[in-house]
Amino acid sequence: MNRLLPQNRLDSLIAIGIIAFATIAGAWYYQLNGIEPCELCLKQRFAYYAGVPLAGLLALAPSRRGGSLVAAGLIALALIFAANAIFGIYHSGVEWGFWPGPDSCTGAIKGSPDVGNLLKEMAARYVRCDEVQLRIFALSLANWNVLISAGLAALAGRATRLPA
């Protein structure tokens, strides 16, 4: 099993960048094909928007002079993706009904529509955070985010102990 994992920091950073980019590209693909993201889904993407360029920049850092910078960056990547995994657990719990989600995407729509903006309000599509739109192998996209983010956090954390 250890042979399947990257054996140095550079390979780890490349793997993190590729996996994170493939994940966000998959989310974009589903969105382009009609699976609209909810508010919590959109917030979970921030980790990938930060993680992909950070992994790329760290991979370009010179190994001899940038050793401590790369180590700090790997710790940052581990924290970013660990936090995203926790946020994904929160979203998954909202989907499963374990706890309430934010009122903005799970509560009832409050108040009457604004007549002045009626067409705009009619065109707006409200995507609920507590309703799963797509399952892949019985897991929602929020569930997959938990697994992928936790894996990326573990990969980044492991890489801090690897040679440059």
N, C-alpha and C. Protein backbone atom coordinates (compact mmCIF):
# COMPACT_ATOMS: atom_id res chain seq x y z
N MET A 1 0.83 -1.20 0.00
CA MET A 1 0.00 0.00 0.00
C MET A 1 0.87 1.25 0.00
N ASN A 2 1.94 1.22 0.75
CA ASN A 2 2.82 2.39 0.85
C ASN A 2 3.42 2.74 -0.51
N ARG A 3 3.56 1.77 -1.39
CA ARG A 3 4.13 2.03 -2.71
C ARG A 3 3.18 2.85 -3.59
N LEU A 4 1.88 2.82 -3.27
CA LEU A 4 0.91 3.58 -4.05
C LEU A 4 0.91 5.05 -3.69
N LEU A 5 1.39 5.37 -2.50
CA LEU A 5 1.42 6.75 -2.04
C LEU A 5 2.68 7.46 -2.51
N PRO A 6 2.61 8.76 -2.72
CA PRO A 6 3.81 9.52 -3.11
C PRO A 6 4.91 9.36 -2.06
N GLN A 7 6.16 9.33 -2.52
CA GLN A 7 7.29 9.10 -1.63
C GLN A 7 8.09 10.36 -1.34
N ASN A 8 7.67 11.50 -1.87
CA ASN A 8 8.35 12.75 -1.57
C ASN A 8 7.33 13.90 -1.62
N ARG A 9 7.76 15.07 -1.18
CA ARG A 9 6.85 16.21 -1.10
C ARG A 9 6.36 16.67 -2.47
N LEU A 10 7.25 16.69 -3.45
CA LEU A 10 6.86 17.15 -4.77
C LEU A 10 5.77 16.27 -5.36
N ASP A 11 5.96 14.96 -5.30
CA ASP A 11 4.95 14.05 -5.83
C ASP A 11 3.63 14.19 -5.06
N SER A 12 3.72 14.43 -3.75
CA SER A 12 2.52 14.63 -2.94
C SER A 12 1.78 15.88 -3.38
N LEU A 13 2.52 16.96 -3.60
CA LEU A 13 1.90 18.21 -4.03
C LEU A 13 1.25 18.07 -5.41
N ILE A 14 1.91 17.36 -6.29
CA ILE A 14 1.33 17.13 -7.62
C ILE A 14 0.06 16.30 -7.49
N ALA A 15 0.08 15.27 -6.67
CA ALA A 15 -1.11 14.43 -6.46
C ALA A 15 -2.25 15.26 -5.85
N ILE A 16 -1.95 16.06 -4.85
CA ILE A 16 -2.97 16.91 -4.22
C ILE A 16 -3.57 17.86 -5.25
N GLY A 17 -2.72 18.50 -6.04
CA GLY A 17 -3.20 19.43 -7.06
C GLY A 17 -4.09 18.75 -8.09
N ILE A 18 -3.68 17.58 -8.56
CA ILE A 18 -4.45 16.86 -9.58
C ILE A 18 -5.79 16.38 -9.01
N ILE A 19 -5.77 15.79 -7.83
CA ILE A 19 -7.01 15.28 -7.24
C ILE A 19 -7.97 16.43 -6.92
N ALA A 20 -7.44 17.51 -6.36
CA ALA A 20 -8.29 18.65 -6.03
C ALA A 20 -8.86 19.29 -7.30
N PHE A 21 -8.05 19.41 -8.34
CA PHE A 21 -8.55 19.99 -9.58
C PHE A 21 -9.60 19.08 -10.21
N ALA A 22 -9.36 17.78 -10.22
CA ALA A 22 -10.33 16.85 -10.79
C ALA A 22 -11.66 16.91 -10.02
N THR A 23 -11.57 17.10 -8.72
CA THR A 23 -12.78 17.19 -7.90
C THR A 23 -13.59 18.43 -8.26
N ILE A 24 -12.95 19.58 -8.32
CA ILE A 24 -13.69 20.80 -8.62
C ILE A 24 -14.16 20.79 -10.08
N ALA A 25 -13.37 20.21 -10.97
CA ALA A 25 -13.79 20.09 -12.37
C ALA A 25 -15.03 19.19 -12.48
N GLY A 26 -15.09 18.15 -11.66
CA GLY A 26 -16.27 17.29 -11.63
C GLY A 26 -17.50 18.06 -11.16
N ALA A 27 -17.33 18.91 -10.15
CA ALA A 27 -18.45 19.73 -9.66
C ALA A 27 -18.93 20.67 -10.76
N TRP A 28 -17.99 21.28 -11.48
CA TRP A 28 -18.37 22.17 -12.59
C TRP A 28 -19.11 21.39 -13.68
N TYR A 29 -18.63 20.19 -13.97
CA TYR A 29 -19.26 19.35 -14.99
C TYR A 29 -20.73 19.08 -14.64
N TYR A 30 -20.96 18.67 -13.40
CA TYR A 30 -22.34 18.39 -12.99
C TYR A 30 -23.18 19.67 -13.04
N GLN A 31 -22.60 20.79 -12.66
CA GLN A 31 -23.34 22.05 -12.70
C GLN A 31 -23.70 22.41 -14.14
N LEU A 32 -22.76 22.24 -15.06
CA LEU A 32 -23.04 22.54 -16.46
C LEU A 32 -24.10 21.61 -17.05
N ASN A 33 -24.29 20.47 -16.42
CA ASN A 33 -25.27 19.50 -16.90
C ASN A 33 -26.54 19.47 -16.05
N GLY A 34 -26.83 20.59 -15.39
CA GLY A 34 -28.12 20.75 -14.74
C GLY A 34 -28.20 20.46 -13.26
N ILE A 35 -27.14 20.02 -12.62
CA ILE A 35 -27.16 19.79 -11.18
C ILE A 35 -26.70 21.09 -10.51
N GLU A 36 -27.69 21.90 -10.09
CA GLU A 36 -27.37 23.20 -9.50
C GLU A 36 -26.87 23.02 -8.07
N PRO A 37 -25.78 23.68 -7.70
CA PRO A 37 -25.26 23.57 -6.34
C PRO A 37 -26.08 24.42 -5.36
N CYS A 38 -26.18 23.93 -4.14
CA CYS A 38 -26.84 24.71 -3.10
C CYS A 38 -25.81 25.65 -2.47
N GLU A 39 -26.27 26.45 -1.54
CA GLU A 39 -25.39 27.41 -0.87
C GLU A 39 -24.22 26.72 -0.17
N LEU A 40 -24.48 25.61 0.51
CA LEU A 40 -23.40 24.90 1.21
C LEU A 40 -22.43 24.25 0.23
N CYS A 41 -22.95 23.76 -0.89
CA CYS A 41 -22.07 23.17 -1.92
C CYS A 41 -21.09 24.22 -2.44
N LEU A 42 -21.61 25.41 -2.70
CA LEU A 42 -20.75 26.47 -3.21
C LEU A 42 -19.67 26.84 -2.20
N LYS A 43 -20.01 26.86 -0.93
CA LYS A 43 -19.02 27.19 0.10
C LYS A 43 -17.96 26.11 0.23
N GLN A 44 -18.33 24.86 -0.02
CA GLN A 44 -17.34 23.78 0.06
C GLN A 44 -16.31 23.87 -1.06
N ARG A 45 -16.62 24.59 -2.10
CA ARG A 45 -15.68 24.73 -3.22
C ARG A 45 -14.50 25.64 -2.88
N PHE A 46 -14.65 26.51 -1.88
CA PHE A 46 -13.58 27.44 -1.55
C PHE A 46 -12.26 26.73 -1.24
N ALA A 47 -12.33 25.58 -0.59
CA ALA A 47 -11.11 24.84 -0.27
C ALA A 47 -10.38 24.43 -1.54
N TYR A 48 -11.11 24.06 -2.56
CA TYR A 48 -10.48 23.66 -3.82
C TYR A 48 -9.94 24.88 -4.56
N TYR A 49 -10.67 25.99 -4.49
CA TYR A 49 -10.20 27.22 -5.13
C TYR A 49 -8.90 27.71 -4.50
N ALA A 50 -8.72 27.45 -3.22
CA ALA A 50 -7.46 27.81 -2.54
C ALA A 50 -6.42 26.70 -2.67
N GLY A 51 -6.85 25.47 -2.56
CA GLY A 51 -5.93 24.34 -2.52
C GLY A 51 -5.22 24.05 -3.83
N VAL A 52 -5.93 24.15 -4.95
CA VAL A 52 -5.30 23.85 -6.24
C VAL A 52 -4.15 24.81 -6.54
N PRO A 53 -4.35 26.13 -6.49
CA PRO A 53 -3.21 27.01 -6.79
C PRO A 53 -2.11 26.93 -5.73
N LEU A 54 -2.48 26.72 -4.47
CA LEU A 54 -1.45 26.61 -3.42
C LEU A 54 -0.59 25.38 -3.66
N ALA A 55 -1.19 24.26 -4.00
CA ALA A 55 -0.41 23.06 -4.29
C ALA A 55 0.50 23.29 -5.50
N GLY A 56 -0.02 23.97 -6.51
CA GLY A 56 0.79 24.26 -7.69
C GLY A 56 1.96 25.17 -7.39
N LEU A 57 1.72 26.22 -6.62
CA LEU A 57 2.81 27.14 -6.26
C LEU A 57 3.87 26.44 -5.40
N LEU A 58 3.42 25.63 -4.47
CA LEU A 58 4.38 24.91 -3.61
C LEU A 58 5.19 23.90 -4.41
N ALA A 59 4.56 23.29 -5.40
CA ALA A 59 5.29 22.33 -6.25
C ALA A 59 6.39 23.02 -7.04
N LEU A 60 6.21 24.30 -7.32
CA LEU A 60 7.21 25.06 -8.07
C LEU A 60 8.31 25.63 -7.18
N ALA A 61 8.13 25.58 -5.87
CA ALA A 61 9.13 26.14 -4.94
C ALA A 61 10.41 25.31 -5.02
N PRO A 62 11.57 25.99 -5.01
CA PRO A 62 12.83 25.25 -5.04
C PRO A 62 12.97 24.38 -3.78
N SER A 63 13.36 23.14 -3.97
CA SER A 63 13.39 22.19 -2.85
C SER A 63 14.45 22.54 -1.80
N ARG A 64 15.57 23.08 -2.20
CA ARG A 64 16.64 23.35 -1.23
C ARG A 64 16.34 24.60 -0.39
N ARG A 65 15.94 25.66 -1.04
CA ARG A 65 15.71 26.91 -0.31
C ARG A 65 14.30 27.01 0.24
N GLY A 66 13.36 26.32 -0.36
CA GLY A 66 11.97 26.47 0.05
C GLY A 66 11.46 25.37 0.94
N GLY A 67 12.34 24.63 1.60
CA GLY A 67 11.92 23.49 2.42
C GLY A 67 10.97 23.86 3.52
N SER A 68 11.27 24.90 4.28
CA SER A 68 10.38 25.28 5.37
C SER A 68 9.10 25.92 4.83
N LEU A 69 9.21 26.63 3.70
CA LEU A 69 8.03 27.21 3.07
C LEU A 69 7.09 26.10 2.59
N VAL A 70 7.65 25.08 1.97
CA VAL A 70 6.84 23.96 1.48
C VAL A 70 6.20 23.22 2.65
N ALA A 71 6.96 23.02 3.73
CA ALA A 71 6.39 22.35 4.91
C ALA A 71 5.23 23.15 5.48
N ALA A 72 5.39 24.47 5.57
CA ALA A 72 4.31 25.32 6.07
C ALA A 72 3.11 25.27 5.12
N GLY A 73 3.37 25.26 3.83
CA GLY A 73 2.30 25.18 2.85
C GLY A 73 1.55 23.85 2.92
N LEU A 74 2.28 22.77 3.17
CA LEU A 74 1.64 21.47 3.32
C LEU A 74 0.75 21.44 4.56
N ILE A 75 1.21 22.07 5.63
CA ILE A 75 0.38 22.17 6.83
C ILE A 75 -0.87 22.98 6.53
N ALA A 76 -0.71 24.07 5.78
CA ALA A 76 -1.87 24.89 5.39
C ALA A 76 -2.85 24.07 4.55
N LEU A 77 -2.33 23.30 3.60
CA LEU A 77 -3.20 22.45 2.78
C LEU A 77 -3.93 21.42 3.64
N ALA A 78 -3.21 20.82 4.58
CA ALA A 78 -3.84 19.84 5.47
C ALA A 78 -4.98 20.49 6.26
N LEU A 79 -4.74 21.69 6.77
CA LEU A 79 -5.78 22.39 7.54
C LEU A 79 -6.96 22.81 6.67
N ILE A 80 -6.67 23.30 5.47
CA ILE A 80 -7.74 23.71 4.55
C ILE A 80 -8.66 22.54 4.25
N PHE A 81 -8.06 21.40 3.89
CA PHE A 81 -8.89 20.26 3.51
C PHE A 81 -9.51 19.56 4.71
N ALA A 82 -8.86 19.59 5.87
CA ALA A 82 -9.48 19.04 7.08
C ALA A 82 -10.71 19.87 7.46
N ALA A 83 -10.58 21.18 7.39
CA ALA A 83 -11.73 22.05 7.68
C ALA A 83 -12.85 21.81 6.68
N ASN A 84 -12.50 21.60 5.42
CA ASN A 84 -13.51 21.34 4.41
C ASN A 84 -14.20 19.99 4.64
N ALA A 85 -13.45 19.01 5.11
CA ALA A 85 -14.07 17.72 5.44
C ALA A 85 -15.08 17.90 6.57
N ILE A 86 -14.73 18.69 7.56
CA ILE A 86 -15.65 18.95 8.67
C ILE A 86 -16.89 19.68 8.17
N PHE A 87 -16.68 20.66 7.29
CA PHE A 87 -17.82 21.38 6.72
C PHE A 87 -18.68 20.43 5.89
N GLY A 88 -18.06 19.50 5.18
CA GLY A 88 -18.80 18.50 4.43
C GLY A 88 -19.60 17.58 5.33
N ILE A 89 -19.07 17.27 6.52
CA ILE A 89 -19.82 16.47 7.50
C ILE A 89 -21.06 17.25 7.94
N TYR A 90 -20.88 18.55 8.18
CA TYR A 90 -22.02 19.40 8.54
C TYR A 90 -23.08 19.33 7.44
N HIS A 91 -22.67 19.52 6.18
CA HIS A 91 -23.63 19.50 5.07
C HIS A 91 -24.28 18.13 4.95
N SER A 92 -23.52 17.07 5.12
CA SER A 92 -24.08 15.73 5.06
C SER A 92 -25.13 15.52 6.15
N GLY A 93 -24.85 16.03 7.34
CA GLY A 93 -25.81 15.94 8.43
C GLY A 93 -27.10 16.70 8.14
N VAL A 94 -26.96 17.83 7.44
CA VAL A 94 -28.15 18.59 7.02
C VAL A 94 -28.95 17.75 6.03
N GLU A 95 -28.27 17.11 5.09
CA GLU A 95 -28.95 16.26 4.11
C GLU A 95 -29.67 15.09 4.78
N TRP A 96 -29.06 14.50 5.78
CA TRP A 96 -29.64 13.34 6.46
C TRP A 96 -30.67 13.74 7.52
N GLY A 97 -30.82 15.04 7.78
CA GLY A 97 -31.78 15.51 8.76
C GLY A 97 -31.31 15.38 10.20
N PHE A 98 -29.99 15.23 10.41
CA PHE A 98 -29.45 15.13 11.77
C PHE A 98 -29.54 16.45 12.50
N TRP A 99 -29.43 17.55 11.78
CA TRP A 99 -29.50 18.90 12.36
C TRP A 99 -29.98 19.85 11.28
N PRO A 100 -30.50 20.99 11.70
CA PRO A 100 -31.00 21.94 10.71
C PRO A 100 -29.86 22.65 9.99
N GLY A 101 -30.11 23.01 8.76
CA GLY A 101 -29.15 23.79 8.00
C GLY A 101 -29.49 25.27 8.10
N PRO A 102 -28.77 26.08 7.36
CA PRO A 102 -29.06 27.52 7.39
C PRO A 102 -30.46 27.79 6.83
N ASP A 103 -31.13 28.78 7.40
CA ASP A 103 -32.47 29.14 6.94
C ASP A 103 -32.49 29.55 5.47
N SER A 104 -31.38 30.08 5.00
CA SER A 104 -31.34 30.58 3.63
C SER A 104 -31.49 29.47 2.59
N CYS A 105 -31.21 28.22 2.96
CA CYS A 105 -31.35 27.16 1.96
C CYS A 105 -32.09 25.93 2.49
N THR A 106 -32.61 25.98 3.71
CA THR A 106 -33.39 24.85 4.20
C THR A 106 -34.71 25.28 4.81
N GLY A 107 -34.83 26.53 5.21
CA GLY A 107 -36.07 27.00 5.84
C GLY A 107 -37.13 27.33 4.82
N ALA A 108 -38.29 27.62 5.32
CA ALA A 108 -39.39 28.03 4.45
C ALA A 108 -39.11 29.44 3.93
N ILE A 109 -39.59 29.71 2.75
CA ILE A 109 -39.44 31.05 2.18
C ILE A 109 -40.36 31.97 2.96
N LYS A 110 -39.78 33.04 3.48
CA LYS A 110 -40.53 33.94 4.36
C LYS A 110 -41.00 35.17 3.59
N GLY A 111 -42.18 35.59 3.91
CA GLY A 111 -42.70 36.82 3.33
C GLY A 111 -43.27 36.61 1.95
N SER A 112 -43.98 37.60 1.49
CA SER A 112 -44.56 37.54 0.16
C SER A 112 -43.55 38.05 -0.86
N PRO A 113 -43.68 37.64 -2.10
CA PRO A 113 -42.72 38.09 -3.12
C PRO A 113 -42.84 39.59 -3.37
N ASP A 114 -41.73 40.18 -3.74
CA ASP A 114 -41.69 41.60 -4.08
C ASP A 114 -42.24 41.74 -5.50
N VAL A 115 -43.37 42.43 -5.63
CA VAL A 115 -44.04 42.56 -6.93
C VAL A 115 -43.13 43.27 -7.93
N GLY A 116 -42.34 44.22 -7.46
CA GLY A 116 -41.44 44.96 -8.35
C GLY A 116 -40.38 44.07 -8.98
N ASN A 117 -40.01 43.02 -8.29
CA ASN A 117 -38.99 42.10 -8.80
C ASN A 117 -39.57 40.71 -9.07
N LEU A 118 -40.85 40.66 -9.40
CA LEU A 118 -41.53 39.38 -9.56
C LEU A 118 -40.88 38.50 -10.62
N LEU A 119 -40.56 39.06 -11.78
CA LEU A 119 -39.94 38.26 -12.82
C LEU A 119 -38.58 37.73 -12.38
N LYS A 120 -37.84 38.57 -11.70
CA LYS A 120 -36.52 38.16 -11.21
C LYS A 120 -36.67 37.03 -10.18
N GLU A 121 -37.63 37.16 -9.28
CA GLU A 121 -37.84 36.15 -8.26
C GLU A 121 -38.36 34.84 -8.87
N MET A 122 -39.17 34.95 -9.91
CA MET A 122 -39.68 33.74 -10.57
C MET A 122 -38.56 33.00 -11.29
N ALA A 123 -37.58 33.75 -11.82
CA ALA A 123 -36.48 33.13 -12.55
C ALA A 123 -35.44 32.52 -11.62
N ALA A 124 -35.39 33.01 -10.39
CA ALA A 124 -34.40 32.50 -9.45
C ALA A 124 -34.74 31.06 -9.07
N ARG A 125 -33.75 30.22 -9.07
CA ARG A 125 -33.95 28.81 -8.71
C ARG A 125 -33.37 28.61 -7.32
N TYR A 126 -34.20 28.18 -6.40
CA TYR A 126 -33.75 27.94 -5.04
C TYR A 126 -33.39 26.48 -4.90
N VAL A 127 -32.16 26.22 -4.55
CA VAL A 127 -31.70 24.85 -4.38
C VAL A 127 -31.57 24.61 -2.88
N ARG A 128 -32.30 23.66 -2.40
CA ARG A 128 -32.31 23.36 -0.97
C ARG A 128 -31.06 22.58 -0.59
N CYS A 129 -30.51 22.92 0.57
CA CYS A 129 -29.30 22.24 1.07
C CYS A 129 -29.61 20.90 1.71
N ASP A 130 -30.88 20.66 2.02
CA ASP A 130 -31.24 19.42 2.69
C ASP A 130 -31.84 18.37 1.75
N GLU A 131 -31.79 18.64 0.46
CA GLU A 131 -32.28 17.69 -0.53
C GLU A 131 -31.14 17.31 -1.47
N VAL A 132 -30.87 16.02 -1.55
CA VAL A 132 -29.79 15.51 -2.40
C VAL A 132 -30.29 15.46 -3.84
N GLN A 133 -29.54 16.06 -4.74
CA GLN A 133 -29.91 16.06 -6.16
C GLN A 133 -29.29 14.90 -6.92
N LEU A 134 -28.17 14.41 -6.43
CA LEU A 134 -27.44 13.37 -7.15
C LEU A 134 -26.71 12.48 -6.15
N ARG A 135 -26.82 11.19 -6.37
CA ARG A 135 -26.05 10.22 -5.58
C ARG A 135 -25.20 9.41 -6.55
N ILE A 136 -23.96 9.20 -6.15
CA ILE A 136 -23.04 8.38 -6.92
C ILE A 136 -22.58 7.27 -5.99
N PHE A 137 -22.88 6.03 -6.35
CA PHE A 137 -22.61 4.88 -5.48
C PHE A 137 -23.19 5.12 -4.08
N ALA A 138 -24.42 5.59 -4.05
CA ALA A 138 -25.21 5.82 -2.83
C ALA A 138 -24.72 6.99 -1.98
N LEU A 139 -23.74 7.74 -2.43
CA LEU A 139 -23.24 8.89 -1.66
C LEU A 139 -23.58 10.18 -2.39
N SER A 140 -23.97 11.18 -1.62
CA SER A 140 -24.23 12.51 -2.20
C SER A 140 -22.89 13.18 -2.49
N LEU A 141 -22.94 14.28 -3.21
CA LEU A 141 -21.71 15.01 -3.50
C LEU A 141 -21.08 15.57 -2.23
N ALA A 142 -21.91 15.93 -1.24
CA ALA A 142 -21.36 16.38 0.04
C ALA A 142 -20.63 15.24 0.74
N ASN A 143 -21.18 14.02 0.65
CA ASN A 143 -20.51 12.85 1.23
C ASN A 143 -19.17 12.60 0.55
N TRP A 144 -19.16 12.70 -0.77
CA TRP A 144 -17.91 12.51 -1.51
C TRP A 144 -16.90 13.58 -1.13
N ASN A 145 -17.37 14.81 -0.92
CA ASN A 145 -16.47 15.88 -0.51
C ASN A 145 -15.79 15.55 0.81
N VAL A 146 -16.53 14.96 1.74
CA VAL A 146 -15.94 14.57 3.03
C VAL A 146 -14.78 13.59 2.79
N LEU A 147 -15.03 12.58 1.99
CA LEU A 147 -14.01 11.55 1.75
C LEU A 147 -12.79 12.13 1.02
N ILE A 148 -13.05 12.91 -0.01
CA ILE A 148 -11.94 13.47 -0.80
C ILE A 148 -11.16 14.48 0.02
N SER A 149 -11.84 15.38 0.72
CA SER A 149 -11.15 16.39 1.52
C SER A 149 -10.34 15.73 2.65
N ALA A 150 -10.91 14.73 3.29
CA ALA A 150 -10.17 14.03 4.35
C ALA A 150 -8.94 13.34 3.78
N GLY A 151 -9.08 12.74 2.62
CA GLY A 151 -7.94 12.10 1.97
C GLY A 151 -6.85 13.09 1.59
N LEU A 152 -7.26 14.24 1.07
CA LEU A 152 -6.29 15.27 0.71
C LEU A 152 -5.60 15.84 1.96
N ALA A 153 -6.35 16.00 3.03
CA ALA A 153 -5.76 16.48 4.30
C ALA A 153 -4.73 15.46 4.81
N ALA A 154 -5.08 14.19 4.75
CA ALA A 154 -4.16 13.14 5.20
C ALA A 154 -2.92 13.10 4.31
N LEU A 155 -3.11 13.23 3.02
CA LEU A 155 -1.98 13.21 2.08
C LEU A 155 -1.04 14.39 2.34
N ALA A 156 -1.60 15.57 2.57
CA ALA A 156 -0.78 16.74 2.85
C ALA A 156 -0.08 16.60 4.20
N GLY A 157 -0.80 16.11 5.20
CA GLY A 157 -0.17 15.90 6.51
C GLY A 157 0.96 14.89 6.46
N ARG A 158 0.75 13.81 5.72
CA ARG A 158 1.79 12.79 5.57
C ARG A 158 3.01 13.37 4.86
N ALA A 159 2.78 14.23 3.89
CA ALA A 159 3.87 14.79 3.08
C ALA A 159 4.80 15.67 3.92
N THR A 160 4.32 16.21 5.03
CA THR A 160 5.20 17.05 5.86
C THR A 160 6.35 16.24 6.43
N ARG A 161 6.19 14.93 6.52
CA ARG A 161 7.25 14.06 7.07
C ARG A 161 8.11 13.41 5.97
N LEU A 162 7.85 13.74 4.73
CA LEU A 162 8.59 13.15 3.62
C LEU A 162 9.77 14.04 3.22
N PRO A 163 10.75 13.44 2.55
CA PRO A 163 11.85 14.26 2.03
C PRO A 163 11.39 15.15 0.88
N ALA A 164 12.16 16.21 0.65
CA ALA A 164 11.85 17.14 -0.42
C ALA A 164 11.92 16.41 -1.73
